[in-house]
Amino acid sequence: MPYKEKPDNDLKLYYTIGEVAELFQVNTSLVRFWEKEFPQIRPKKNRKGNRLFTREDIRHFRMIYQLVKEQGYTLDGARKKLQASNQQAHDPLSETIQRLEHVKSLLDQMENQLP
């Protein structure tokens, strides 16, 4: 896998397009292209218009890279796979919220039963 893992002690908040391209050993044009094709990648831009990628952008880029370059997905297929995984990721959160609300209602009932 061409992706170069950065050490965990790297505390940078933002990465330039050149750094992202170097991480994945791709051209900067591919980074710009995928930015347009995948809404998950949303770099910030500074006053000069330079793209500044967050760790979350790099995490999304890594998933896209694995799907397209390593697993052979088409761009449309990778887009659908990412959307499906994002929907699944949101479901556990709503399930957790429902459980917490249930626990809260049980605690409220217990409190009302106290003398």
Protein backbone atom coordinates (compact mmCIF):
# COMPACT_ATOMS: atom_id res chain seq x y z
CA MET A 1 0.00 0.00 0.00
CA PRO A 2 1.55 3.30 -1.02
CA TYR A 3 -0.09 5.23 1.81
CA LYS A 4 2.60 6.33 4.27
CA GLU A 5 1.38 6.30 7.87
CA LYS A 6 2.23 9.45 9.77
CA PRO A 7 3.41 9.00 13.34
CA ASP A 8 0.74 9.65 15.98
CA ASN A 9 2.85 12.38 17.53
CA ASP A 10 2.33 14.50 14.40
CA LEU A 11 0.11 17.22 15.83
CA LYS A 12 -0.53 19.21 12.67
CA LEU A 13 -4.04 20.51 12.27
CA TYR A 14 -3.82 21.10 8.52
CA TYR A 15 -1.96 19.51 5.63
CA THR A 16 -1.21 21.10 2.27
CA ILE A 17 -2.24 19.49 -0.97
CA GLY A 18 1.40 18.58 -1.61
CA GLU A 19 1.64 16.78 1.72
CA VAL A 20 -1.56 14.84 1.03
CA ALA A 21 -0.32 13.90 -2.45
CA GLU A 22 2.99 12.76 -0.96
CA LEU A 23 1.21 10.67 1.70
CA PHE A 24 -0.62 8.70 -0.97
CA GLN A 25 2.05 8.94 -3.66
CA VAL A 26 -0.35 10.50 -6.16
CA ASN A 27 -0.36 13.72 -8.16
CA THR A 28 -1.88 16.85 -6.70
CA SER A 29 -4.28 16.87 -9.65
CA LEU A 30 -5.81 13.60 -8.39
CA VAL A 31 -6.30 15.14 -4.94
CA ARG A 32 -8.09 18.13 -6.53
CA PHE A 33 -10.17 15.81 -8.73
CA TRP A 34 -11.31 13.63 -5.83
CA GLU A 35 -12.09 16.76 -3.85
CA LYS A 36 -14.59 17.68 -6.57
CA GLU A 37 -15.97 14.14 -6.93
CA PHE A 38 -16.45 13.28 -3.26
CA PRO A 39 -18.35 15.66 -0.96
CA GLN A 40 -16.70 14.05 2.08
CA ILE A 41 -13.42 15.81 1.26
CA ARG A 42 -13.84 19.49 2.11
CA PRO A 43 -10.53 21.25 2.62
CA LYS A 44 -10.46 24.75 3.99
CA LYS A 45 -8.79 27.45 1.94
CA ASN A 46 -6.55 30.17 3.27
CA ARG A 47 -6.49 33.76 2.01
CA LYS A 48 -4.26 32.80 -0.89
CA GLY A 49 -6.67 30.03 -1.90
CA ASN A 50 -4.37 27.17 -0.88
CA ARG A 51 -6.17 24.04 0.22
CA LEU A 52 -5.70 22.99 3.83
CA PHE A 53 -6.77 19.41 4.56
CA THR A 54 -7.76 18.25 8.04
CA ARG A 55 -7.15 14.80 9.50
CA GLU A 56 -10.79 14.00 8.76
CA ASP A 57 -10.22 14.89 5.08
CA ILE A 58 -7.20 12.59 5.04
CA ARG A 59 -9.22 9.80 6.66
CA HIS A 60 -11.84 10.16 3.92
CA PHE A 61 -9.14 10.33 1.27
CA ARG A 62 -7.63 7.10 2.66
CA MET A 63 -11.02 5.32 2.39
CA ILE A 64 -11.49 6.56 -1.16
CA TYR A 65 -7.94 5.54 -2.08
CA GLN A 66 -8.51 2.03 -0.72
CA LEU A 67 -11.81 1.64 -2.54
CA VAL A 68 -10.69 3.02 -5.90
CA LYS A 69 -7.00 2.15 -6.16
CA GLU A 70 -6.76 -1.03 -4.11
CA GLN A 71 -10.19 -2.65 -4.38
CA GLY A 72 -10.96 -1.51 -7.94
CA TYR A 73 -14.21 0.36 -7.32
CA THR A 74 -15.42 2.87 -9.87
CA LEU A 75 -15.83 6.43 -8.65
CA ASP A 76 -19.61 6.00 -8.60
CA GLY A 77 -19.30 2.71 -6.71
CA ALA A 78 -16.91 4.25 -4.18
CA ARG A 79 -19.27 7.19 -3.72
CA LYS A 80 -22.19 4.82 -3.00
CA LYS A 81 -20.10 2.70 -0.64
CA LEU A 82 -19.02 5.78 1.33
CA GLN A 83 -22.60 7.04 1.57
CA ALA A 84 -23.75 3.63 2.83
CA SER A 85 -20.99 3.49 5.42
CA ASN A 86 -21.82 7.04 6.56
CA GLN A 87 -25.47 6.08 7.05
CA GLN A 88 -24.45 3.01 9.06
CA ALA A 89 -22.14 5.14 11.16
CA HIS A 90 -25.03 7.43 12.10
CA ASP A 91 -27.33 4.58 13.12
CA PRO A 92 -25.35 3.54 16.23
CA LEU A 93 -25.49 7.13 17.44
CA SER A 94 -29.27 7.29 17.23
CA GLU A 95 -29.46 3.86 18.85
CA THR A 96 -27.29 5.10 21.72
CA ILE A 97 -29.47 8.18 22.13
CA GLN A 98 -32.57 6.00 22.31
CA ARG A 99 -30.97 3.81 24.96
CA LEU A 100 -29.94 6.82 27.02
CA GLU A 101 -33.45 8.25 26.81
CA HIS A 102 -34.84 4.92 27.99
CA VAL A 103 -32.42 4.86 30.95
CA LYS A 104 -33.37 8.44 31.79
CA SER A 105 -37.06 7.56 31.80
CA LEU A 106 -36.36 4.59 34.09
CA LEU A 107 -34.41 6.83 36.45
CA ASP A 108 -37.23 9.38 36.44
CA GLN A 109 -39.71 6.62 37.32
CA MET A 110 -37.47 5.43 40.16
CA GLU A 111 -37.12 8.97 41.45
CA ASN A 112 -40.90 9.44 41.48
CA GLN A 113 -41.31 6.24 43.50
CA LEU A 114 -38.97 7.43 46.25
CA PRO A 115 -40.71 8.63 49.46
